[in-house]
Amino acid sequence: MKRTLIQNAVIVNGKPRKGSVVIEDERIIEILDEGKEPTTLCDIIINAEGCYLLPGVIDTHVHFREPGLTHKADIFSESQAAAAGGVTSVMDMPNTNPQTTTLQAFNDKMKLFAEESLINYACYFGATNDNYTQFDDLDVNHTCGIKLFMGSSTGNMLVDKAESLRRIFQGTTLPIAAHCESQSIIQANTEKYLKEFSRKEDKEVLDLPLQYHPLIRSEEACFESSALAAELANKANARLHLLHVSTAKELSLLNNKKEARDKNITAEACVSHLLFTDNDYEQYGTRIKCNPAIKTVADRDALRDAVNKDLIDVISTDHAPHLLSEKEGGALKAMSGMPMIQFSLVSMLQLVDEGIFTIEKVIDKMCHTPAELFDVEQRGFIRKNYYADLVLVRPNSPWTVTPDCILSKCGWSPLEGKTFNWKVERTFVNGHTVYSSEKGIDTSYHGKELFFS
């Protein structure tokens, strides 16, 4: 039995306050106000003076690429990047190879995570046009949700049949996490701009400049699909979770009830859509190409405002590594997605310094509400008897993202050259130090499967 005392930190679990936390093996056993001594002897004492102690981030939207796409990333590499960024739990998406659209593929992927992940994990079950009959066989205590592509993305999982969509929304009590972009609008926009650009160039073209990306994957494409998903969810009384909302218009589909559990439609904003705008394509190029596309300053600012007003419920990453060679091309040929998990927390804390969010709001959207929305058992908060998933971060400690510090297997980040004022000093997963700024990653540890109560 090992006890660890983290003392003199500013604890952020609601309103920040100075205090200490005692961990016994995997769990928190005491939370002490400033000046209070633990009631038990501790084997390890960590002086966290000047640091903030946060719950570990729960990233509800990642693509760790395994099985089948491990030239880009794998569970082992991306869980290291997550731990270095203060992320202690992830929920992985099903568009791998094979796709996680059968019970066998789901169970096989969960075994891979158990063998390779340094952090806690869960997996989505992917919906197709005809596999909704398998939903009843899923163990709801071991499945975070159903992933529904109502717009094509990596892989071939587009659900586009009206009857299939109706049966999916009627067929489960699990959250339905939906990627919403109208494929018919995207296709029409693609044909329109290819014709216009071909006339302009006086020759047939097969790709378009990157600035066409948000015009092809437009506000209309996002809103029409999200509105359809909301209509289906309301008719079926289903739990819809709109992934990576990217437009101000989509916010009209949401309400700001304070508790996410009181909503049947919830929404996610991704770090990339909270940081970047279409003005940034010139600087970053295809490194910030993602689906849905990065859009206007007005859209980004509306998303930030929606976070503060609780229209947006969670902040995630849609962490989606590709090789840089796969990011070559323009609006049509360059692959969409970027690795963000290692720098997501510090990016949001930077927005705290800029006065965009409070630190309480960031922790609510990255830790508390993900746990509540998905019914994650005993995680997401700094509470007695909860698992000790914790992050120590130090403000006023400038450092710059350089290639040598990137742990994602793809080896790059759109944030290279960015200087952050917050530094992750230590990440605890189930009470175990998986990352420290002094010693790096402890690759001997394995995280636990998330349980949904």
Protein backbone atom coordinates (compact mmCIF):
# COMPACT_ATOMS: atom_id res chain seq x y z
CA MET A 1 0.00 0.00 0.00
CA LYS A 2 1.58 3.26 -1.18
CA ARG A 3 0.47 6.71 -0.09
CA THR A 4 1.39 9.93 -1.89
CA LEU A 5 0.85 13.44 -0.58
CA ILE A 6 0.53 16.28 -3.11
CA GLN A 7 0.76 19.38 -0.95
CA ASN A 8 0.41 23.15 -1.32
CA ALA A 9 -1.27 23.10 -4.73
CA VAL A 10 -4.12 25.26 -5.98
CA ILE A 11 -6.82 22.63 -6.42
CA VAL A 12 -9.27 23.28 -9.26
CA ASN A 13 -12.41 21.26 -8.70
CA GLY A 14 -14.96 24.01 -8.92
CA LYS A 15 -13.70 27.20 -7.32
CA PRO A 16 -9.86 27.09 -7.00
CA ARG A 17 -8.52 26.74 -3.48
CA LYS A 18 -5.18 26.01 -1.89
CA GLY A 19 -4.81 22.58 -0.37
CA SER A 20 -3.40 19.08 -0.53
CA VAL A 21 -4.48 15.65 -1.76
CA VAL A 22 -3.55 12.22 -0.42
CA ILE A 23 -3.50 9.24 -2.79
CA GLU A 24 -3.53 5.66 -1.55
CA ASP A 25 -2.59 3.30 -4.37
CA GLU A 26 -5.14 4.12 -7.11
CA ARG A 27 -7.54 6.41 -5.29
CA ILE A 28 -7.87 9.73 -3.53
CA ILE A 29 -8.37 9.18 0.19
CA GLU A 30 -8.10 12.74 1.54
CA ILE A 31 -8.58 16.29 0.26
CA LEU A 32 -7.17 18.79 2.73
CA ASP A 33 -7.63 22.52 3.09
CA GLU A 34 -4.54 24.69 3.26
CA GLY A 35 -2.60 24.11 6.48
CA LYS A 36 -4.28 20.77 7.29
CA GLU A 37 -2.08 17.72 7.82
CA PRO A 38 -2.95 14.25 6.49
CA THR A 39 -4.29 11.74 8.98
CA THR A 40 -1.95 9.03 7.71
CA LEU A 41 1.75 8.74 7.04
CA CYS A 42 2.72 9.18 3.39
CA ASP A 43 5.52 7.40 1.52
CA ILE A 44 5.97 10.10 -1.13
CA ILE A 45 5.58 13.85 -0.61
CA ILE A 46 5.33 16.14 -3.61
CA ASN A 47 5.65 19.85 -2.91
CA ALA A 48 3.35 21.43 -5.49
CA GLU A 49 3.82 25.03 -4.36
CA GLY A 50 3.04 27.33 -7.29
CA CYS A 51 1.24 24.58 -9.24
CA TYR A 52 -2.41 23.93 -10.01
CA LEU A 53 -3.78 20.45 -9.38
CA LEU A 54 -6.46 19.53 -11.93
CA PRO A 55 -8.53 16.42 -12.63
CA GLY A 56 -7.08 14.42 -15.51
CA VAL A 57 -8.54 15.43 -18.86
CA ILE A 58 -11.10 13.05 -20.39
CA ASP A 59 -10.83 13.39 -24.17
CA THR A 60 -14.06 11.98 -25.58
CA HIS A 61 -12.98 12.13 -29.24
CA VAL A 62 -9.70 10.61 -30.44
CA HIS A 63 -8.42 8.56 -33.36
CA PHE A 64 -5.47 6.48 -32.15
CA ARG A 65 -5.39 4.72 -35.57
CA GLU A 66 -4.97 1.15 -34.31
CA PRO A 67 -5.62 -1.41 -35.70
CA GLY A 68 -4.62 -1.09 -39.32
CA LEU A 69 -3.38 2.49 -39.66
CA THR A 70 -0.30 2.27 -37.45
CA HIS A 71 2.01 3.99 -39.92
CA LYS A 72 0.32 7.22 -38.67
CA ALA A 73 -0.09 6.45 -34.98
CA ASP A 74 -0.76 3.63 -32.55
CA ILE A 75 -2.26 3.21 -29.10
CA PHE A 76 1.13 3.10 -27.39
CA SER A 77 2.52 6.26 -29.04
CA GLU A 78 -0.63 8.34 -28.75
CA SER A 79 -1.25 7.38 -25.13
CA GLN A 80 2.23 8.71 -24.40
CA ALA A 81 1.38 12.00 -26.11
CA ALA A 82 -1.87 12.13 -24.14
CA ALA A 83 -0.16 11.56 -20.80
CA ALA A 84 2.42 14.27 -21.55
CA GLY A 85 -0.50 16.63 -22.20
CA GLY A 86 -2.41 15.87 -19.00
CA VAL A 87 -4.99 13.60 -20.67
CA THR A 88 -5.69 10.55 -18.50
CA SER A 89 -8.67 8.99 -20.32
CA VAL A 90 -9.72 8.75 -23.97
CA MET A 91 -12.64 7.46 -26.04
CA ASP A 92 -11.45 6.11 -29.38
CA MET A 93 -13.33 6.31 -32.67
CA PRO A 94 -14.20 3.30 -34.86
CA ASN A 95 -12.84 4.26 -38.30
CA THR A 96 -9.81 1.99 -38.10
CA ASN A 97 -8.98 -1.07 -40.22
CA PRO A 98 -10.94 -3.18 -39.62
CA GLN A 99 -13.65 -0.72 -38.63
CA THR A 100 -15.11 -1.17 -35.15
CA THR A 101 -18.53 -2.05 -36.50
CA THR A 102 -18.86 -5.64 -35.28
CA LEU A 103 -18.76 -7.06 -31.76
CA GLN A 104 -15.64 -9.04 -32.63
CA ALA A 105 -13.80 -5.95 -33.90
CA PHE A 106 -14.91 -4.00 -30.82
CA ASN A 107 -13.65 -6.68 -28.43
CA ASP A 108 -10.39 -7.03 -30.35
CA LYS A 109 -9.74 -3.29 -30.13
CA MET A 110 -10.47 -3.24 -26.40
CA LYS A 111 -7.86 -5.99 -25.97
CA LEU A 112 -5.34 -3.89 -27.88
CA PHE A 113 -5.97 -0.93 -25.58
CA ALA A 114 -5.58 -3.15 -22.50
CA GLU A 115 -2.20 -4.33 -23.79
CA GLU A 116 -0.82 -1.03 -25.09
CA SER A 117 -2.43 2.05 -23.52
CA LEU A 118 -0.65 3.93 -20.76
CA ILE A 119 -3.87 5.79 -19.94
CA ASN A 120 -7.52 4.86 -19.37
CA TYR A 121 -9.63 4.05 -22.40
CA ALA A 122 -12.97 3.25 -23.97
CA CYS A 123 -14.13 2.70 -27.55
CA TYR A 124 -17.13 3.73 -29.59
CA PHE A 125 -19.10 1.19 -31.60
CA GLY A 126 -19.43 2.39 -35.18
CA ALA A 127 -22.83 2.55 -36.85
CA THR A 128 -23.35 1.47 -40.45
CA ASN A 129 -26.43 1.34 -42.63
CA ASP A 130 -27.22 -2.18 -41.46
CA ASN A 131 -25.56 -3.07 -38.13
CA TYR A 132 -28.09 -1.49 -35.76
CA THR A 133 -29.36 -5.01 -35.00
CA GLN A 134 -26.15 -5.51 -32.98
CA PHE A 135 -26.79 -2.60 -30.61
CA ASP A 136 -28.74 -4.79 -28.17
CA ASP A 137 -25.70 -7.03 -27.79
CA LEU A 138 -23.44 -4.20 -26.61
CA ASP A 139 -22.62 -4.02 -22.91
CA VAL A 140 -23.66 -0.48 -22.02
CA ASN A 141 -21.32 -0.50 -19.00
CA HIS A 142 -18.33 -1.06 -21.29
CA THR A 143 -19.29 1.02 -24.35
CA CYS A 144 -19.00 4.81 -24.34
CA GLY A 145 -21.37 5.39 -27.25
CA ILE A 146 -22.36 4.84 -30.85
CA LYS A 147 -20.38 6.76 -33.49
CA LEU A 148 -22.48 7.88 -36.44
CA PHE A 149 -21.00 9.41 -39.59
CA MET A 150 -23.74 11.54 -41.19
CA GLY A 151 -21.05 12.82 -43.53
CA SER A 152 -18.08 10.94 -44.94
CA SER A 153 -14.75 11.03 -43.18
CA THR A 154 -11.75 8.71 -43.03
CA GLY A 155 -12.90 5.20 -43.76
CA ASN A 156 -16.17 4.20 -45.39
CA MET A 157 -18.83 4.50 -42.69
CA LEU A 158 -21.29 7.00 -44.15
CA VAL A 159 -24.84 6.26 -43.00
CA ASP A 160 -27.10 7.81 -45.63
CA LYS A 161 -30.29 5.74 -45.67
CA ALA A 162 -33.29 7.35 -43.98
CA GLU A 163 -34.59 4.07 -42.57
CA SER A 164 -31.16 3.17 -41.17
CA LEU A 165 -30.87 6.55 -39.46
CA ARG A 166 -34.33 6.15 -37.93
CA ARG A 167 -33.48 2.68 -36.60
CA ILE A 168 -30.13 3.85 -35.21
CA PHE A 169 -31.75 6.67 -33.23
CA GLN A 170 -34.48 4.35 -31.98
CA GLY A 171 -32.16 1.46 -31.28
CA THR A 172 -29.99 2.49 -28.32
CA THR A 173 -29.92 4.28 -24.98
CA LEU A 174 -26.21 5.02 -25.46
CA PRO A 175 -25.07 8.49 -26.54
CA ILE A 176 -25.04 8.76 -30.34
CA ALA A 177 -21.94 10.79 -31.20
CA ALA A 178 -22.57 12.18 -34.67
CA HIS A 179 -20.29 13.67 -37.29
CA CYS A 180 -22.73 15.90 -39.16
CA GLU A 181 -21.96 17.18 -42.65
CA SER A 182 -24.38 16.76 -45.56
CA GLN A 183 -22.66 14.62 -48.17
CA SER A 184 -24.98 15.81 -50.94
CA ILE A 185 -24.11 19.47 -50.26
CA ILE A 186 -20.40 18.67 -50.04
CA GLN A 187 -20.57 16.84 -53.38
CA ALA A 188 -22.51 19.66 -55.05
CA ASN A 189 -20.07 22.26 -53.74
CA THR A 190 -17.11 20.18 -54.91
CA GLU A 191 -18.49 19.92 -58.45
CA LYS A 192 -19.38 23.62 -58.51
CA TYR A 193 -15.93 24.84 -57.47
CA LEU A 194 -14.06 22.34 -59.67
CA LYS A 195 -15.97 23.66 -62.68
CA GLU A 196 -15.37 27.29 -61.71
CA PHE A 197 -11.66 26.73 -61.07
CA SER A 198 -11.25 24.70 -64.25
CA ARG A 199 -12.73 27.56 -66.27
CA LYS A 200 -10.45 30.00 -64.47
CA GLU A 201 -7.36 27.89 -65.19
CA ASP A 202 -8.59 27.01 -68.70
CA LYS A 203 -7.95 23.29 -68.03
CA GLU A 204 -9.44 20.47 -66.02
CA VAL A 205 -8.30 20.44 -62.39
CA LEU A 206 -8.50 17.57 -59.90
CA ASP A 207 -7.70 19.51 -56.73
CA LEU A 208 -8.54 22.94 -55.37
CA PRO A 209 -6.57 25.47 -53.31
CA LEU A 210 -6.97 25.01 -49.57
CA GLN A 211 -9.13 28.13 -49.15
CA TYR A 212 -11.95 26.24 -50.88
CA HIS A 213 -12.10 23.68 -48.07
CA PRO A 214 -14.49 25.68 -45.81
CA LEU A 215 -16.53 26.62 -48.90
CA ILE A 216 -16.98 22.97 -49.85
CA ARG A 217 -17.61 21.75 -46.30
CA SER A 218 -19.75 24.79 -45.73
CA GLU A 219 -21.95 26.19 -42.99
CA GLU A 220 -24.96 24.90 -44.91
CA ALA A 221 -23.50 21.37 -45.10
CA CYS A 222 -22.94 21.34 -41.34
CA PHE A 223 -26.25 22.89 -40.33
CA GLU A 224 -28.49 20.79 -42.57
CA SER A 225 -26.97 17.56 -41.28
CA SER A 226 -26.93 18.65 -37.62
CA ALA A 227 -30.56 19.78 -37.89
CA LEU A 228 -31.54 16.40 -39.30
CA ALA A 229 -29.74 14.64 -36.46
CA ALA A 230 -31.51 16.85 -33.91
CA GLU A 231 -34.89 16.12 -35.53
CA LEU A 232 -34.26 12.36 -35.44
CA ALA A 233 -33.08 12.52 -31.82
CA ASN A 234 -36.11 14.51 -30.71
CA LYS A 235 -38.52 12.12 -32.43
CA ALA A 236 -36.85 9.05 -30.89
CA ASN A 237 -36.06 10.70 -27.53
CA ALA A 238 -32.47 9.60 -28.14
CA ARG A 239 -29.25 10.98 -26.66
CA LEU A 240 -27.53 12.91 -29.46
CA HIS A 241 -24.02 14.29 -29.00
CA LEU A 242 -23.04 16.62 -31.85
CA LEU A 243 -19.32 16.28 -32.49
CA HIS A 244 -16.97 19.13 -33.47
CA VAL A 245 -19.59 21.85 -33.94
CA SER A 246 -17.89 24.38 -36.21
CA THR A 247 -20.49 27.05 -37.07
CA ALA A 248 -22.43 29.71 -35.23
CA LYS A 249 -25.62 28.61 -37.01
CA GLU A 250 -25.54 25.12 -35.46
CA LEU A 251 -25.68 26.65 -31.99
CA SER A 252 -29.37 27.45 -32.58
CA LEU A 253 -30.03 23.71 -32.23
CA LEU A 254 -28.73 23.69 -28.64
CA ASN A 255 -29.95 24.85 -25.23
CA ASN A 256 -28.00 26.03 -22.23
CA LYS A 257 -29.47 23.98 -19.43
CA LYS A 258 -26.69 23.98 -16.88
CA GLU A 259 -26.54 20.20 -16.45
CA ALA A 260 -25.59 18.25 -19.56
CA ARG A 261 -27.56 15.29 -18.22
CA ASP A 262 -30.75 17.35 -18.52
CA LYS A 263 -30.27 17.68 -22.30
CA ASN A 264 -31.08 15.08 -24.92
CA ILE A 265 -28.89 17.01 -27.40
CA THR A 266 -25.37 17.93 -26.29
CA ALA A 267 -22.43 19.31 -28.22
CA GLU A 268 -18.67 19.27 -28.45
CA ALA A 269 -16.24 21.96 -29.54
CA CYS A 270 -12.79 20.87 -30.63
CA VAL A 271 -9.62 22.65 -29.61
CA SER A 272 -8.78 23.33 -33.27
CA HIS A 273 -12.07 25.18 -33.89
CA LEU A 274 -11.55 27.23 -30.72
CA LEU A 275 -8.01 28.22 -31.74
CA PHE A 276 -7.92 28.69 -35.51
CA THR A 277 -9.92 30.57 -38.17
CA ASP A 278 -9.91 30.53 -41.97
CA ASN A 279 -7.43 33.43 -41.79
CA ASP A 280 -4.90 30.90 -40.48
CA TYR A 281 -4.89 28.69 -43.58
CA GLU A 282 -2.30 30.96 -45.17
CA GLN A 283 0.13 30.46 -42.28
CA TYR A 284 -0.48 26.82 -41.39
CA GLY A 285 -1.66 25.37 -44.69
CA THR A 286 -3.01 21.83 -44.65
CA ARG A 287 -1.66 21.27 -41.15
CA ILE A 288 -4.97 22.71 -39.92
CA LYS A 289 -7.14 21.03 -42.56
CA CYS A 290 -9.80 19.03 -40.75
CA ASN A 291 -13.41 17.92 -41.16
CA PRO A 292 -15.53 19.90 -40.48
CA ALA A 293 -13.39 22.71 -41.82
CA ILE A 294 -11.95 25.54 -39.75
CA LYS A 295 -14.29 28.43 -40.48
CA THR A 296 -14.57 32.18 -39.89
CA VAL A 297 -13.51 34.42 -37.02
CA ALA A 298 -17.21 34.96 -36.28
CA ASP A 299 -17.76 31.19 -36.04
CA ARG A 300 -14.77 30.72 -33.75
CA ASP A 301 -15.84 33.55 -31.49
CA ALA A 302 -19.41 32.20 -31.37
CA LEU A 303 -18.07 28.80 -30.30
CA ARG A 304 -16.01 30.40 -27.54
CA ASP A 305 -19.07 32.29 -26.36
CA ALA A 306 -21.11 29.08 -26.49
CA VAL A 307 -18.58 27.37 -24.21
CA ASN A 308 -19.00 30.15 -21.66
CA LYS A 309 -22.80 30.04 -21.95
CA ASP A 310 -22.93 26.21 -21.64
CA LEU A 311 -24.42 25.71 -25.09
CA ILE A 312 -21.25 23.70 -25.75
CA ASP A 313 -20.87 20.93 -23.21
CA VAL A 314 -17.41 19.43 -23.75
CA ILE A 315 -14.08 20.38 -25.28
CA SER A 316 -12.24 17.54 -27.03
CA THR A 317 -9.54 17.24 -29.67
CA ASP A 318 -10.63 14.97 -32.53
CA HIS A 319 -6.96 13.97 -32.32
CA ALA A 320 -6.34 12.56 -35.81
CA PRO A 321 -2.69 12.02 -36.79
CA HIS A 322 -1.55 11.75 -40.41
CA LEU A 323 1.94 11.69 -41.87
CA LEU A 324 2.99 15.04 -43.31
CA SER A 325 3.27 13.33 -46.70
CA GLU A 326 -0.45 12.54 -46.42
CA LYS A 327 -1.18 16.23 -45.80
CA GLU A 328 0.20 17.24 -49.19
CA GLY A 329 -2.24 18.70 -51.69
CA GLY A 330 -5.15 21.09 -51.41
CA ALA A 331 -8.80 21.14 -50.45
CA LEU A 332 -9.55 17.75 -52.04
CA LYS A 333 -6.35 15.71 -51.88
CA ALA A 334 -4.72 16.56 -48.54
CA MET A 335 -5.97 14.35 -45.73
CA SER A 336 -8.04 16.01 -43.02
CA GLY A 337 -7.09 15.83 -39.36
CA MET A 338 -4.33 16.91 -37.01
CA PRO A 339 -2.57 15.64 -33.87
CA MET A 340 -3.71 17.83 -30.94
CA ILE A 341 -3.89 15.74 -27.78
CA GLN A 342 -0.45 16.56 -26.34
CA PHE A 343 -1.10 20.30 -26.38
CA SER A 344 -4.86 20.54 -25.87
CA LEU A 345 -4.86 21.36 -22.15
CA VAL A 346 -2.09 23.95 -22.35
CA SER A 347 -3.81 25.52 -25.37
CA MET A 348 -7.00 26.00 -23.38
CA LEU A 349 -5.08 27.31 -20.38
CA GLN A 350 -3.48 29.84 -22.72
CA LEU A 351 -6.99 31.05 -23.54
CA VAL A 352 -7.51 31.41 -19.78
CA ASP A 353 -4.54 33.76 -19.70
CA GLU A 354 -6.08 35.70 -22.61
CA GLY A 355 -9.32 36.13 -20.68
CA ILE A 356 -11.38 33.99 -23.07
CA PHE A 357 -12.28 31.35 -20.46
CA THR A 358 -11.88 30.91 -16.71
CA ILE A 359 -9.86 27.97 -15.50
CA GLU A 360 -13.02 26.59 -13.86
CA LYS A 361 -14.78 26.62 -17.23
CA VAL A 362 -11.91 24.80 -18.94
CA ILE A 363 -11.88 22.09 -16.28
CA ASP A 364 -15.66 21.79 -16.43
CA LYS A 365 -15.62 21.23 -20.20
CA MET A 366 -12.55 18.97 -20.34
CA CYS A 367 -13.00 16.95 -17.14
CA HIS A 368 -16.25 17.31 -15.18
CA THR A 369 -18.87 17.36 -17.93
CA PRO A 370 -17.29 14.59 -20.05
CA ALA A 371 -17.49 12.35 -16.97
CA GLU A 372 -21.09 13.34 -16.24
CA LEU A 373 -22.32 13.24 -19.84
CA PHE A 374 -20.95 9.77 -20.53
CA ASP A 375 -21.60 8.47 -16.98
CA VAL A 376 -17.91 7.67 -16.44
CA GLU A 377 -17.62 6.01 -13.07
CA GLN A 378 -15.48 7.75 -10.41
CA ARG A 379 -13.40 9.95 -12.69
CA GLY A 380 -13.39 13.55 -13.88
CA PHE A 381 -13.35 15.16 -10.43
CA ILE A 382 -11.00 15.53 -7.48
CA ARG A 383 -13.15 13.70 -4.94
CA LYS A 384 -12.56 11.30 -2.08
CA ASN A 385 -12.63 7.65 -3.22
CA TYR A 386 -12.39 8.65 -6.92
CA TYR A 387 -9.55 7.31 -9.03
CA ALA A 388 -6.50 9.53 -8.73
CA ASP A 389 -6.42 10.79 -12.33
CA LEU A 390 -4.68 14.09 -11.72
CA VAL A 391 -2.51 16.67 -13.48
CA LEU A 392 -0.08 19.14 -11.97
CA VAL A 393 0.41 22.21 -14.15
CA ARG A 394 2.63 25.22 -13.48
CA PRO A 395 1.76 28.70 -14.78
CA ASN A 396 4.32 31.31 -15.80
CA SER A 397 6.72 28.64 -17.12
CA PRO A 398 7.27 29.53 -20.78
CA TRP A 399 8.30 26.75 -23.17
CA THR A 400 8.09 26.30 -26.93
CA VAL A 401 6.77 23.37 -28.96
CA THR A 402 9.63 21.91 -30.97
CA PRO A 403 9.76 18.70 -33.03
CA ASP A 404 11.89 16.91 -30.44
CA CYS A 405 9.20 17.19 -27.76
CA ILE A 406 6.35 15.80 -29.92
CA LEU A 407 5.39 12.28 -28.85
CA SER A 408 2.72 11.52 -31.46
CA LYS A 409 4.04 8.94 -33.91
CA CYS A 410 3.40 11.23 -36.90
CA GLY A 411 6.10 13.55 -35.53
CA TRP A 412 4.56 16.97 -36.18
CA SER A 413 2.10 19.46 -34.75
CA PRO A 414 0.37 22.56 -36.14
CA LEU A 415 1.50 24.22 -32.91
CA GLU A 416 5.24 23.89 -33.61
CA GLY A 417 6.93 27.16 -32.69
CA LYS A 418 4.12 28.14 -30.30
CA THR A 419 5.22 29.27 -26.84
CA PHE A 420 2.98 28.29 -23.94
CA ASN A 421 3.03 29.80 -20.46
CA TRP A 422 1.57 26.70 -18.77
CA LYS A 423 3.60 23.54 -18.35
CA VAL A 424 2.41 20.04 -17.48
CA GLU A 425 4.70 18.93 -14.67
CA ARG A 426 3.18 15.58 -13.73
CA THR A 427 0.32 13.34 -14.85
CA PHE A 428 -1.13 10.69 -12.54
CA VAL A 429 -3.19 7.85 -14.00
CA ASN A 430 -4.92 5.84 -11.27
CA GLY A 431 -2.43 7.25 -8.77
CA HIS A 432 0.61 6.28 -10.84
CA THR A 433 2.96 8.92 -12.26
CA VAL A 434 2.86 8.14 -15.97
CA TYR A 435 4.47 11.42 -17.00
CA SER A 436 6.78 13.88 -15.28
CA SER A 437 8.59 16.80 -16.84
CA GLU A 438 11.80 15.63 -15.21
CA LYS A 439 11.73 11.91 -16.03
CA GLY A 440 9.44 11.78 -19.06
CA ILE A 441 7.11 8.83 -19.70
CA ASP A 442 6.88 5.67 -17.61
CA THR A 443 6.07 3.15 -20.34
CA SER A 444 5.74 0.27 -17.87
CA TYR A 445 2.27 1.31 -16.72
CA HIS A 446 -1.06 0.37 -18.31
CA GLY A 447 -4.29 2.30 -17.90
CA LYS A 448 -7.70 0.87 -17.08
CA GLU A 449 -10.84 0.38 -19.10
CA LEU A 450 -13.41 3.07 -18.36
CA PHE A 451 -16.64 1.87 -16.77
CA PHE A 452 -19.97 3.58 -17.48
CA SER A 453 -22.44 3.42 -14.63
